[in-house]
C-alpha cells in the first residue's frame, strides 16, 4: 500500500493495523528494522 523504492527497504518491511481505536505498527522481520522516533521497535502503538 505504501511502496518505497529503496534497497534498504525489505520487500515486505512493515505494516500498520487499525485495531479498535488505535493503530499498531509491526515490523515484518525486515532486514534493517523499523524505527519510531529513532528507536528500534518490533511493534508500536502509534501516537
ModelCIF file with pLDDT and N, C-alpha, C, O atoms, coordinates in Angstrom:
data_MODEL
#
_entry.id   MODEL 
#
_entity.id                         1 
_entity.type                       polymer 
_entity.pdbx_number_of_molecules   1 
#
_entity_poly.entity_id                      1 
_entity_poly.type                           'polypeptide(L)' 
_entity_poly.nstd_linkage                   no 
_entity_poly.nstd_monomer                   no 
_entity_poly.pdbx_seq_one_letter_code       
;(UNK)(UNK)(UNK)(UNK)(UNK)(UNK)(UNK)(UNK)(UNK)(UNK)(UNK)(UNK)(UNK)(UNK)(UNK)(UNK)
(UNK)(UNK)(UNK)(UNK)(UNK)(UNK)(UNK)(UNK)(UNK)(UNK)(UNK)(UNK)(UNK)(UNK)(UNK)(UNK)
(UNK)(UNK)(UNK)(UNK)(UNK)(UNK)(UNK)(UNK)(UNK)(UNK)(UNK)(UNK)(UNK)(UNK)(UNK)
;
_entity_poly.pdbx_seq_one_letter_code_can   XXXXXXXXXXXXXXXXXXXXXXXXXXXXXXXXXXXXXXXXXXXXXXX 
_entity_poly.pdbx_strand_id                 A 
#
loop_
_entity_poly_seq.entity_id 
_entity_poly_seq.num 
_entity_poly_seq.mon_id 
_entity_poly_seq.hetero 
1 1  UNK n 
1 2  UNK n 
1 3  UNK n 
1 4  UNK n 
1 5  UNK n 
1 6  UNK n 
1 7  UNK n 
1 8  UNK n 
1 9  UNK n 
1 10 UNK n 
1 11 UNK n 
1 12 UNK n 
1 13 UNK n 
1 14 UNK n 
1 15 UNK n 
1 16 UNK n 
1 17 UNK n 
1 18 UNK n 
1 19 UNK n 
1 20 UNK n 
1 21 UNK n 
1 22 UNK n 
1 23 UNK n 
1 24 UNK n 
1 25 UNK n 
1 26 UNK n 
1 27 UNK n 
1 28 UNK n 
1 29 UNK n 
1 30 UNK n 
1 31 UNK n 
1 32 UNK n 
1 33 UNK n 
1 34 UNK n 
1 35 UNK n 
1 36 UNK n 
1 37 UNK n 
1 38 UNK n 
1 39 UNK n 
1 40 UNK n 
1 41 UNK n 
1 42 UNK n 
1 43 UNK n 
1 44 UNK n 
1 45 UNK n 
1 46 UNK n 
1 47 UNK n 
#
_struct_asym.id          A 
_struct_asym.entity_id   1 
#
loop_
_ma_qa_metric.id 
_ma_qa_metric.mode 
_ma_qa_metric.name 
_ma_qa_metric.software_group_id 
_ma_qa_metric.type 
1 global pLDDT . pLDDT 
2 local  pLDDT . pLDDT 
#
_ma_qa_metric_global.metric_id      1 
_ma_qa_metric_global.metric_value   90.13 
_ma_qa_metric_global.model_id       1 
_ma_qa_metric_global.ordinal_id     1 
#
loop_
_ma_qa_metric_local.label_asym_id 
_ma_qa_metric_local.label_comp_id 
_ma_qa_metric_local.label_seq_id 
_ma_qa_metric_local.metric_id 
_ma_qa_metric_local.metric_value 
_ma_qa_metric_local.model_id 
_ma_qa_metric_local.ordinal_id 
A UNK 1  2 94.00 1 1  
A UNK 2  2 95.00 1 2  
A UNK 3  2 95.00 1 3  
A UNK 4  2 94.00 1 4  
A UNK 5  2 90.00 1 5  
A UNK 6  2 89.00 1 6  
A UNK 7  2 87.00 1 7  
A UNK 8  2 88.00 1 8  
A UNK 9  2 92.00 1 9  
A UNK 10 2 91.00 1 10 
A UNK 11 2 92.00 1 11 
A UNK 12 2 92.00 1 12 
A UNK 13 2 93.00 1 13 
A UNK 14 2 93.00 1 14 
A UNK 15 2 94.00 1 15 
A UNK 16 2 93.00 1 16 
A UNK 17 2 91.00 1 17 
A UNK 18 2 87.00 1 18 
A UNK 19 2 85.00 1 19 
A UNK 20 2 80.00 1 20 
A UNK 21 2 81.00 1 21 
A UNK 22 2 87.00 1 22 
A UNK 23 2 90.00 1 23 
A UNK 24 2 91.00 1 24 
A UNK 25 2 92.00 1 25 
A UNK 26 2 92.00 1 26 
A UNK 27 2 90.00 1 27 
A UNK 28 2 90.00 1 28 
A UNK 29 2 86.00 1 29 
A UNK 30 2 89.00 1 30 
A UNK 31 2 87.00 1 31 
A UNK 32 2 89.00 1 32 
A UNK 33 2 90.00 1 33 
A UNK 34 2 92.00 1 34 
A UNK 35 2 94.00 1 35 
A UNK 36 2 93.00 1 36 
A UNK 37 2 93.00 1 37 
A UNK 38 2 89.00 1 38 
A UNK 39 2 89.00 1 39 
A UNK 40 2 90.00 1 40 
A UNK 41 2 89.00 1 41 
A UNK 42 2 88.00 1 42 
A UNK 43 2 87.00 1 43 
A UNK 44 2 90.00 1 44 
A UNK 45 2 90.00 1 45 
A UNK 46 2 92.00 1 46 
A UNK 47 2 91.00 1 47 
#
loop_
_atom_site.group_PDB 
_atom_site.id 
_atom_site.type_symbol 
_atom_site.label_atom_id 
_atom_site.label_alt_id 
_atom_site.label_comp_id 
_atom_site.label_asym_id 
_atom_site.label_entity_id 
_atom_site.label_seq_id 
_atom_site.pdbx_PDB_ins_code 
_atom_site.Cartn_x 
_atom_site.Cartn_y 
_atom_site.Cartn_z 
_atom_site.occupancy 
_atom_site.B_iso_or_equiv 
_atom_site.pdbx_formal_charge 
_atom_site.auth_seq_id 
_atom_site.auth_comp_id 
_atom_site.auth_asym_id 
_atom_site.auth_atom_id 
_atom_site.pdbx_PDB_model_num 
ATOM 1   N N  . UNK A 1 1  ? 0.835   -1.205 0.000  1.00 94.00 ? 1  UNK A N  1 
ATOM 2   C CA . UNK A 1 1  ? 0.000   0.000  0.000  1.00 94.00 ? 1  UNK A CA 1 
ATOM 3   C C  . UNK A 1 1  ? 0.869   1.253  0.000  1.00 94.00 ? 1  UNK A C  1 
ATOM 4   O O  . UNK A 1 1  ? 0.513   2.270  -0.596 1.00 94.00 ? 1  UNK A O  1 
ATOM 5   N N  . UNK A 1 2  ? 2.017   1.165  0.679  1.00 95.00 ? 2  UNK A N  1 
ATOM 6   C CA . UNK A 1 2  ? 2.984   2.271  0.675  1.00 95.00 ? 2  UNK A CA 1 
ATOM 7   C C  . UNK A 1 2  ? 4.300   1.709  0.131  1.00 95.00 ? 2  UNK A C  1 
ATOM 8   O O  . UNK A 1 2  ? 5.136   1.236  0.901  1.00 95.00 ? 2  UNK A O  1 
ATOM 9   N N  . UNK A 1 3  ? 4.488   1.759  -1.197 1.00 95.00 ? 3  UNK A N  1 
ATOM 10  C CA . UNK A 1 3  ? 5.725   1.248  -1.775 1.00 95.00 ? 3  UNK A CA 1 
ATOM 11  C C  . UNK A 1 3  ? 6.867   2.249  -1.618 1.00 95.00 ? 3  UNK A C  1 
ATOM 12  O O  . UNK A 1 3  ? 6.690   3.446  -1.847 1.00 95.00 ? 3  UNK A O  1 
ATOM 13  N N  . UNK A 1 4  ? 8.033   1.752  -1.227 1.00 94.00 ? 4  UNK A N  1 
ATOM 14  C CA . UNK A 1 4  ? 9.225   2.597  -1.066 1.00 94.00 ? 4  UNK A CA 1 
ATOM 15  C C  . UNK A 1 4  ? 10.356  1.966  -1.872 1.00 94.00 ? 4  UNK A C  1 
ATOM 16  O O  . UNK A 1 4  ? 10.867  0.905  -1.513 1.00 94.00 ? 4  UNK A O  1 
ATOM 17  N N  . UNK A 1 5  ? 10.739  2.621  -2.958 1.00 90.00 ? 5  UNK A N  1 
ATOM 18  C CA . UNK A 1 5  ? 11.781  2.097  -3.838 1.00 90.00 ? 5  UNK A CA 1 
ATOM 19  C C  . UNK A 1 5  ? 13.154  2.464  -3.290 1.00 90.00 ? 5  UNK A C  1 
ATOM 20  O O  . UNK A 1 5  ? 13.715  3.510  -3.616 1.00 90.00 ? 5  UNK A O  1 
ATOM 21  N N  . UNK A 1 6  ? 13.680  1.576  -2.449 1.00 89.00 ? 6  UNK A N  1 
ATOM 22  C CA . UNK A 1 6  ? 14.986  1.798  -1.857 1.00 89.00 ? 6  UNK A CA 1 
ATOM 23  C C  . UNK A 1 6  ? 15.532  0.447  -1.424 1.00 89.00 ? 6  UNK A C  1 
ATOM 24  O O  . UNK A 1 6  ? 14.823  -0.341 -0.799 1.00 89.00 ? 6  UNK A O  1 
ATOM 25  N N  . UNK A 1 7  ? 16.803  0.174  -1.757 1.00 87.00 ? 7  UNK A N  1 
ATOM 26  C CA . UNK A 1 7  ? 17.392  -1.131 -1.454 1.00 87.00 ? 7  UNK A CA 1 
ATOM 27  C C  . UNK A 1 7  ? 17.534  -1.382 0.043  1.00 87.00 ? 7  UNK A C  1 
ATOM 28  O O  . UNK A 1 7  ? 17.742  -2.522 0.457  1.00 87.00 ? 7  UNK A O  1 
ATOM 29  N N  . UNK A 1 8  ? 17.424  -0.333 0.862  1.00 88.00 ? 8  UNK A N  1 
ATOM 30  C CA . UNK A 1 8  ? 17.497  -0.502 2.312  1.00 88.00 ? 8  UNK A CA 1 
ATOM 31  C C  . UNK A 1 8  ? 16.171  -0.997 2.892  1.00 88.00 ? 8  UNK A C  1 
ATOM 32  O O  . UNK A 1 8  ? 16.085  -1.333 4.073  1.00 88.00 ? 8  UNK A O  1 
ATOM 33  N N  . UNK A 1 9  ? 15.139  -1.038 2.043  1.00 92.00 ? 9  UNK A N  1 
ATOM 34  C CA . UNK A 1 9  ? 13.794  -1.442 2.470  1.00 92.00 ? 9  UNK A CA 1 
ATOM 35  C C  . UNK A 1 9  ? 13.526  -2.869 2.009  1.00 92.00 ? 9  UNK A C  1 
ATOM 36  O O  . UNK A 1 9  ? 13.784  -3.210 0.854  1.00 92.00 ? 9  UNK A O  1 
ATOM 37  N N  . UNK A 1 10 ? 13.007  -3.705 2.910  1.00 91.00 ? 10 UNK A N  1 
ATOM 38  C CA . UNK A 1 10 ? 12.671  -5.088 2.553  1.00 91.00 ? 10 UNK A CA 1 
ATOM 39  C C  . UNK A 1 10 ? 11.426  -5.118 1.672  1.00 91.00 ? 10 UNK A C  1 
ATOM 40  O O  . UNK A 1 10 ? 10.650  -4.163 1.646  1.00 91.00 ? 10 UNK A O  1 
ATOM 41  N N  . UNK A 1 11 ? 11.243  -6.238 0.941  1.00 92.00 ? 11 UNK A N  1 
ATOM 42  C CA . UNK A 1 11 ? 10.087  -6.369 0.053  1.00 92.00 ? 11 UNK A CA 1 
ATOM 43  C C  . UNK A 1 11 ? 8.784   -6.146 0.788  1.00 92.00 ? 11 UNK A C  1 
ATOM 44  O O  . UNK A 1 11 ? 7.920   -5.405 0.319  1.00 92.00 ? 11 UNK A O  1 
ATOM 45  N N  . UNK A 1 12 ? 8.637   -6.783 1.940  1.00 92.00 ? 12 UNK A N  1 
ATOM 46  C CA . UNK A 1 12 ? 7.515   -6.546 2.847  1.00 92.00 ? 12 UNK A CA 1 
ATOM 47  C C  . UNK A 1 12 ? 8.136   -6.172 4.190  1.00 92.00 ? 12 UNK A C  1 
ATOM 48  O O  . UNK A 1 12 ? 8.507   -7.046 4.972  1.00 92.00 ? 12 UNK A O  1 
ATOM 49  N N  . UNK A 1 13 ? 8.244   -4.905 4.447  1.00 93.00 ? 13 UNK A N  1 
ATOM 50  C CA . UNK A 1 13 ? 9.051   -4.387 5.551  1.00 93.00 ? 13 UNK A CA 1 
ATOM 51  C C  . UNK A 1 13 ? 8.260   -4.268 6.861  1.00 93.00 ? 13 UNK A C  1 
ATOM 52  O O  . UNK A 1 13 ? 8.709   -4.725 7.912  1.00 93.00 ? 13 UNK A O  1 
ATOM 53  N N  . UNK A 1 14 ? 7.081   -3.648 6.780  1.00 93.00 ? 14 UNK A N  1 
ATOM 54  C CA . UNK A 1 14 ? 6.281   -3.408 7.990  1.00 93.00 ? 14 UNK A CA 1 
ATOM 55  C C  . UNK A 1 14 ? 4.830   -3.231 7.590  1.00 93.00 ? 14 UNK A C  1 
ATOM 56  O O  . UNK A 1 14 ? 4.502   -3.134 6.407  1.00 93.00 ? 14 UNK A O  1 
ATOM 57  N N  . UNK A 1 15 ? 3.955   -3.191 8.605  1.00 94.00 ? 15 UNK A N  1 
ATOM 58  C CA . UNK A 1 15 ? 2.548   -2.910 8.326  1.00 94.00 ? 15 UNK A CA 1 
ATOM 59  C C  . UNK A 1 15 ? 1.950   -2.133 9.484  1.00 94.00 ? 15 UNK A C  1 
ATOM 60  O O  . UNK A 1 15 ? 2.467   -2.148 10.602 1.00 94.00 ? 15 UNK A O  1 
ATOM 61  N N  . UNK A 1 16 ? 0.850   -1.456 9.191  1.00 93.00 ? 16 UNK A N  1 
ATOM 62  C CA . UNK A 1 16 ? 0.114   -0.708 10.209 1.00 93.00 ? 16 UNK A CA 1 
ATOM 63  C C  . UNK A 1 16 ? -1.316  -1.233 10.207 1.00 93.00 ? 16 UNK A C  1 
ATOM 64  O O  . UNK A 1 16 ? -1.981  -1.224 9.171  1.00 93.00 ? 16 UNK A O  1 
ATOM 65  N N  . UNK A 1 17 ? -1.792  -1.694 11.368 1.00 91.00 ? 17 UNK A N  1 
ATOM 66  C CA . UNK A 1 17 ? -3.141  -2.230 11.503 1.00 91.00 ? 17 UNK A CA 1 
ATOM 67  C C  . UNK A 1 17 ? -3.994  -1.295 12.343 1.00 91.00 ? 17 UNK A C  1 
ATOM 68  O O  . UNK A 1 17 ? -3.544  -0.778 13.365 1.00 91.00 ? 17 UNK A O  1 
ATOM 69  N N  . UNK A 1 18 ? -5.223  -1.080 11.908 1.00 87.00 ? 18 UNK A N  1 
ATOM 70  C CA . UNK A 1 18 ? -6.213  -0.388 12.724 1.00 87.00 ? 18 UNK A CA 1 
ATOM 71  C C  . UNK A 1 18 ? -6.811  -1.412 13.673 1.00 87.00 ? 18 UNK A C  1 
ATOM 72  O O  . UNK A 1 18 ? -7.417  -2.393 13.242 1.00 87.00 ? 18 UNK A O  1 
ATOM 73  N N  . UNK A 1 19 ? -6.637  -1.178 14.969 1.00 85.00 ? 19 UNK A N  1 
ATOM 74  C CA . UNK A 1 19 ? -7.139  -2.108 15.988 1.00 85.00 ? 19 UNK A CA 1 
ATOM 75  C C  . UNK A 1 19 ? -7.934  -1.309 17.017 1.00 85.00 ? 19 UNK A C  1 
ATOM 76  O O  . UNK A 1 19 ? -7.371  -0.522 17.777 1.00 85.00 ? 19 UNK A O  1 
ATOM 77  N N  . UNK A 1 20 ? -9.249  -1.521 17.031 1.00 80.00 ? 20 UNK A N  1 
ATOM 78  C CA . UNK A 1 20 ? -10.084 -0.719 17.923 1.00 80.00 ? 20 UNK A CA 1 
ATOM 79  C C  . UNK A 1 20 ? -9.953  0.750  17.580 1.00 80.00 ? 20 UNK A C  1 
ATOM 80  O O  . UNK A 1 20 ? -10.193 1.145  16.439 1.00 80.00 ? 20 UNK A O  1 
ATOM 81  N N  . UNK A 1 21 ? -9.572  1.572  18.561 1.00 81.00 ? 21 UNK A N  1 
ATOM 82  C CA . UNK A 1 21 ? -9.390  2.999  18.330 1.00 81.00 ? 21 UNK A CA 1 
ATOM 83  C C  . UNK A 1 21 ? -7.938  3.361  18.045 1.00 81.00 ? 21 UNK A C  1 
ATOM 84  O O  . UNK A 1 21 ? -7.622  4.532  17.838 1.00 81.00 ? 21 UNK A O  1 
ATOM 85  N N  . UNK A 1 22 ? -7.050  2.366  18.033 1.00 87.00 ? 22 UNK A N  1 
ATOM 86  C CA . UNK A 1 22 ? -5.631  2.653  17.853 1.00 87.00 ? 22 UNK A CA 1 
ATOM 87  C C  . UNK A 1 22 ? -5.066  2.106  16.562 1.00 87.00 ? 22 UNK A C  1 
ATOM 88  O O  . UNK A 1 22 ? -5.759  1.451  15.783 1.00 87.00 ? 22 UNK A O  1 
ATOM 89  N N  . UNK A 1 23 ? -3.772  2.394  16.350 1.00 90.00 ? 23 UNK A N  1 
ATOM 90  C CA . UNK A 1 23 ? -3.081  1.966  15.137 1.00 90.00 ? 23 UNK A CA 1 
ATOM 91  C C  . UNK A 1 23 ? -1.739  1.354  15.544 1.00 90.00 ? 23 UNK A C  1 
ATOM 92  O O  . UNK A 1 23 ? -0.915  2.000  16.191 1.00 90.00 ? 23 UNK A O  1 
ATOM 93  N N  . UNK A 1 24 ? -1.541  0.093  15.149 1.00 91.00 ? 24 UNK A N  1 
ATOM 94  C CA . UNK A 1 24 ? -0.375  -0.673 15.583 1.00 91.00 ? 24 UNK A CA 1 
ATOM 95  C C  . UNK A 1 24 ? 0.592   -0.881 14.423 1.00 91.00 ? 24 UNK A C  1 
ATOM 96  O O  . UNK A 1 24 ? 0.238   -1.472 13.404 1.00 91.00 ? 24 UNK A O  1 
ATOM 97  N N  . UNK A 1 25 ? 1.831   -0.382 14.593 1.00 92.00 ? 25 UNK A N  1 
ATOM 98  C CA . UNK A 1 25 ? 2.899   -0.619 13.629 1.00 92.00 ? 25 UNK A CA 1 
ATOM 99  C C  . UNK A 1 25 ? 3.606   -1.922 14.015 1.00 92.00 ? 25 UNK A C  1 
ATOM 100 O O  . UNK A 1 25 ? 3.966   -2.117 15.176 1.00 92.00 ? 25 UNK A O  1 
ATOM 101 N N  . UNK A 1 26 ? 3.802   -2.810 13.038 1.00 92.00 ? 26 UNK A N  1 
ATOM 102 C CA . UNK A 1 26 ? 4.501   -4.075 13.279 1.00 92.00 ? 26 UNK A CA 1 
ATOM 103 C C  . UNK A 1 26 ? 5.591   -4.244 12.237 1.00 92.00 ? 26 UNK A C  1 
ATOM 104 O O  . UNK A 1 26 ? 5.332   -4.147 11.038 1.00 92.00 ? 26 UNK A O  1 
ATOM 105 N N  . UNK A 1 27 ? 6.819   -4.497 12.697 1.00 90.00 ? 27 UNK A N  1 
ATOM 106 C CA . UNK A 1 27 ? 7.918   -4.799 11.775 1.00 90.00 ? 27 UNK A CA 1 
ATOM 107 C C  . UNK A 1 27 ? 7.775   -6.247 11.323 1.00 90.00 ? 27 UNK A C  1 
ATOM 108 O O  . UNK A 1 27 ? 7.553   -7.135 12.146 1.00 90.00 ? 27 UNK A O  1 
ATOM 109 N N  . UNK A 1 28 ? 7.902   -6.493 10.013 1.00 90.00 ? 28 UNK A N  1 
ATOM 110 C CA . UNK A 1 28 ? 7.707   -7.829 9.460  1.00 90.00 ? 28 UNK A CA 1 
ATOM 111 C C  . UNK A 1 28 ? 9.042   -8.557 9.303  1.00 90.00 ? 28 UNK A C  1 
ATOM 112 O O  . UNK A 1 28 ? 9.355   -9.111 8.250  1.00 90.00 ? 28 UNK A O  1 
ATOM 113 N N  . UNK A 1 29 ? 9.817   -8.534 10.393 1.00 86.00 ? 29 UNK A N  1 
ATOM 114 C CA . UNK A 1 29 ? 11.139  -9.184 10.408 1.00 86.00 ? 29 UNK A CA 1 
ATOM 115 C C  . UNK A 1 29 ? 11.994  -8.681 9.245  1.00 86.00 ? 29 UNK A C  1 
ATOM 116 O O  . UNK A 1 29 ? 12.647  -9.456 8.548  1.00 86.00 ? 29 UNK A O  1 
ATOM 117 N N  . UNK A 1 30 ? 11.968  -7.362 9.060  1.00 89.00 ? 30 UNK A N  1 
ATOM 118 C CA . UNK A 1 30 ? 12.739  -6.744 7.981  1.00 89.00 ? 30 UNK A CA 1 
ATOM 119 C C  . UNK A 1 30 ? 14.236  -6.837 8.260  1.00 89.00 ? 30 UNK A C  1 
ATOM 120 O O  . UNK A 1 30 ? 14.658  -6.992 9.406  1.00 89.00 ? 30 UNK A O  1 
ATOM 121 N N  . UNK A 1 31 ? 15.030  -6.740 7.198  1.00 87.00 ? 31 UNK A N  1 
ATOM 122 C CA . UNK A 1 31 ? 16.476  -6.886 7.334  1.00 87.00 ? 31 UNK A CA 1 
ATOM 123 C C  . UNK A 1 31 ? 17.094  -5.742 8.123  1.00 87.00 ? 31 UNK A C  1 
ATOM 124 O O  . UNK A 1 31 ? 17.980  -5.970 8.946  1.00 87.00 ? 31 UNK A O  1 
ATOM 125 N N  . UNK A 1 32 ? 16.641  -4.515 7.886  1.00 89.00 ? 32 UNK A N  1 
ATOM 126 C CA . UNK A 1 32 ? 17.238  -3.348 8.532  1.00 89.00 ? 32 UNK A CA 1 
ATOM 127 C C  . UNK A 1 32 ? 16.401  -2.766 9.665  1.00 89.00 ? 32 UNK A C  1 
ATOM 128 O O  . UNK A 1 32 ? 16.777  -1.751 10.250 1.00 89.00 ? 32 UNK A O  1 
ATOM 129 N N  . UNK A 1 33 ? 15.271  -3.394 9.981  1.00 90.00 ? 33 UNK A N  1 
ATOM 130 C CA . UNK A 1 33 ? 14.473  -2.967 11.123 1.00 90.00 ? 33 UNK A CA 1 
ATOM 131 C C  . UNK A 1 33 ? 13.610  -1.747 10.853 1.00 90.00 ? 33 UNK A C  1 
ATOM 132 O O  . UNK A 1 33 ? 13.766  -1.065 9.840  1.00 90.00 ? 33 UNK A O  1 
ATOM 133 N N  . UNK A 1 34 ? 12.692  -1.485 11.783 1.00 92.00 ? 34 UNK A N  1 
ATOM 134 C CA . UNK A 1 34 ? 11.821  -0.313 11.740 1.00 92.00 ? 34 UNK A CA 1 
ATOM 135 C C  . UNK A 1 34 ? 12.076  0.525  12.995 1.00 92.00 ? 34 UNK A C  1 
ATOM 136 O O  . UNK A 1 34 ? 12.241  -0.017 14.089 1.00 92.00 ? 34 UNK A O  1 
ATOM 137 N N  . UNK A 1 35 ? 12.108  1.838  12.830 1.00 94.00 ? 35 UNK A N  1 
ATOM 138 C CA . UNK A 1 35 ? 12.411  2.738  13.933 1.00 94.00 ? 35 UNK A CA 1 
ATOM 139 C C  . UNK A 1 35 ? 11.264  3.731  14.125 1.00 94.00 ? 35 UNK A C  1 
ATOM 140 O O  . UNK A 1 35 ? 10.692  4.237  13.160 1.00 94.00 ? 35 UNK A O  1 
ATOM 141 N N  . UNK A 1 36 ? 10.944  3.995  15.380 1.00 93.00 ? 36 UNK A N  1 
ATOM 142 C CA . UNK A 1 36 ? 9.971   5.039  15.711 1.00 93.00 ? 36 UNK A CA 1 
ATOM 143 C C  . UNK A 1 36 ? 10.663  6.023  16.637 1.00 93.00 ? 36 UNK A C  1 
ATOM 144 O O  . UNK A 1 36 ? 11.142  5.659  17.711 1.00 93.00 ? 36 UNK A O  1 
ATOM 145 N N  . UNK A 1 37 ? 10.706  7.275  16.203 1.00 93.00 ? 37 UNK A N  1 
ATOM 146 C CA . UNK A 1 37 ? 11.391  8.324  16.968 1.00 93.00 ? 37 UNK A CA 1 
ATOM 147 C C  . UNK A 1 37 ? 12.827  7.915  17.308 1.00 93.00 ? 37 UNK A C  1 
ATOM 148 O O  . UNK A 1 37 ? 13.308  8.117  18.423 1.00 93.00 ? 37 UNK A O  1 
ATOM 149 N N  . UNK A 1 38 ? 13.503  7.324  16.291 1.00 89.00 ? 38 UNK A N  1 
ATOM 150 C CA . UNK A 1 38 ? 14.911  6.930  16.339 1.00 89.00 ? 38 UNK A CA 1 
ATOM 151 C C  . UNK A 1 38 ? 15.194  5.724  17.219 1.00 89.00 ? 38 UNK A C  1 
ATOM 152 O O  . UNK A 1 38 ? 16.353  5.436  17.518 1.00 89.00 ? 38 UNK A O  1 
ATOM 153 N N  . UNK A 1 39 ? 14.135  5.002  17.645 1.00 89.00 ? 39 UNK A N  1 
ATOM 154 C CA . UNK A 1 39 ? 14.326  3.818  18.469 1.00 89.00 ? 39 UNK A CA 1 
ATOM 155 C C  . UNK A 1 39 ? 13.824  2.586  17.733 1.00 89.00 ? 39 UNK A C  1 
ATOM 156 O O  . UNK A 1 39 ? 12.744  2.606  17.142 1.00 89.00 ? 39 UNK A O  1 
ATOM 157 N N  . UNK A 1 40 ? 14.611  1.511  17.770 1.00 90.00 ? 40 UNK A N  1 
ATOM 158 C CA . UNK A 1 40 ? 14.253  0.272  17.097 1.00 90.00 ? 40 UNK A CA 1 
ATOM 159 C C  . UNK A 1 40 ? 13.047  -0.369 17.779 1.00 90.00 ? 40 UNK A C  1 
ATOM 160 O O  . UNK A 1 40 ? 13.020  -0.498 19.003 1.00 90.00 ? 40 UNK A O  1 
ATOM 161 N N  . UNK A 1 41 ? 12.047  -0.772 16.988 1.00 89.00 ? 41 UNK A N  1 
ATOM 162 C CA . UNK A 1 41 ? 10.847  -1.384 17.569 1.00 89.00 ? 41 UNK A CA 1 
ATOM 163 C C  . UNK A 1 41 ? 10.473  -2.636 16.794 1.00 89.00 ? 41 UNK A C  1 
ATOM 164 O O  . UNK A 1 41 ? 10.759  -2.753 15.603 1.00 89.00 ? 41 UNK A O  1 
ATOM 165 N N  . UNK A 1 42 ? 9.832   -3.569 17.482 1.00 88.00 ? 42 UNK A N  1 
ATOM 166 C CA . UNK A 1 42 ? 9.243   -4.720 16.799 1.00 88.00 ? 42 UNK A CA 1 
ATOM 167 C C  . UNK A 1 42 ? 7.762   -4.447 16.569 1.00 88.00 ? 42 UNK A C  1 
ATOM 168 O O  . UNK A 1 42 ? 7.185   -4.886 15.574 1.00 88.00 ? 42 UNK A O  1 
ATOM 169 N N  . UNK A 1 43 ? 7.148   -3.707 17.511 1.00 87.00 ? 43 UNK A N  1 
ATOM 170 C CA . UNK A 1 43 ? 5.779   -3.229 17.333 1.00 87.00 ? 43 UNK A CA 1 
ATOM 171 C C  . UNK A 1 43 ? 5.593   -1.991 18.188 1.00 87.00 ? 43 UNK A C  1 
ATOM 172 O O  . UNK A 1 43 ? 6.299   -1.792 19.177 1.00 87.00 ? 43 UNK A O  1 
ATOM 173 N N  . UNK A 1 44 ? 4.634   -1.158 17.798 1.00 90.00 ? 44 UNK A N  1 
ATOM 174 C CA . UNK A 1 44 ? 4.489   0.118  18.495 1.00 90.00 ? 44 UNK A CA 1 
ATOM 175 C C  . UNK A 1 44 ? 3.099   0.692  18.229 1.00 90.00 ? 44 UNK A C  1 
ATOM 176 O O  . UNK A 1 44 ? 2.669   0.790  17.079 1.00 90.00 ? 44 UNK A O  1 
ATOM 177 N N  . UNK A 1 45 ? 2.387   1.077  19.321 1.00 90.00 ? 45 UNK A N  1 
ATOM 178 C CA . UNK A 1 45 ? 1.108   1.779  19.170 1.00 90.00 ? 45 UNK A CA 1 
ATOM 179 C C  . UNK A 1 45 ? 1.425   3.220  18.789 1.00 90.00 ? 45 UNK A C  1 
ATOM 180 O O  . UNK A 1 45 ? 2.059   3.944  19.556 1.00 90.00 ? 45 UNK A O  1 
ATOM 181 N N  . UNK A 1 46 ? 0.984   3.635  17.606 1.00 92.00 ? 46 UNK A N  1 
ATOM 182 C CA . UNK A 1 46 ? 1.335   4.952  17.087 1.00 92.00 ? 46 UNK A CA 1 
ATOM 183 C C  . UNK A 1 46 ? 0.588   6.075  17.785 1.00 92.00 ? 46 UNK A C  1 
ATOM 184 O O  . UNK A 1 46 ? -0.588  5.948  18.127 1.00 92.00 ? 46 UNK A O  1 
ATOM 185 N N  . UNK A 1 47 ? 1.299   7.177  17.988 1.00 91.00 ? 47 UNK A N  1 
ATOM 186 C CA . UNK A 1 47 ? 0.731   8.377  18.604 1.00 91.00 ? 47 UNK A CA 1 
ATOM 187 C C  . UNK A 1 47 ? 0.953   9.571  17.677 1.00 91.00 ? 47 UNK A C  1 
ATOM 188 O O  . UNK A 1 47 ? 0.551   10.688 18.003 1.00 91.00 ? 47 UNK A O  1 
#
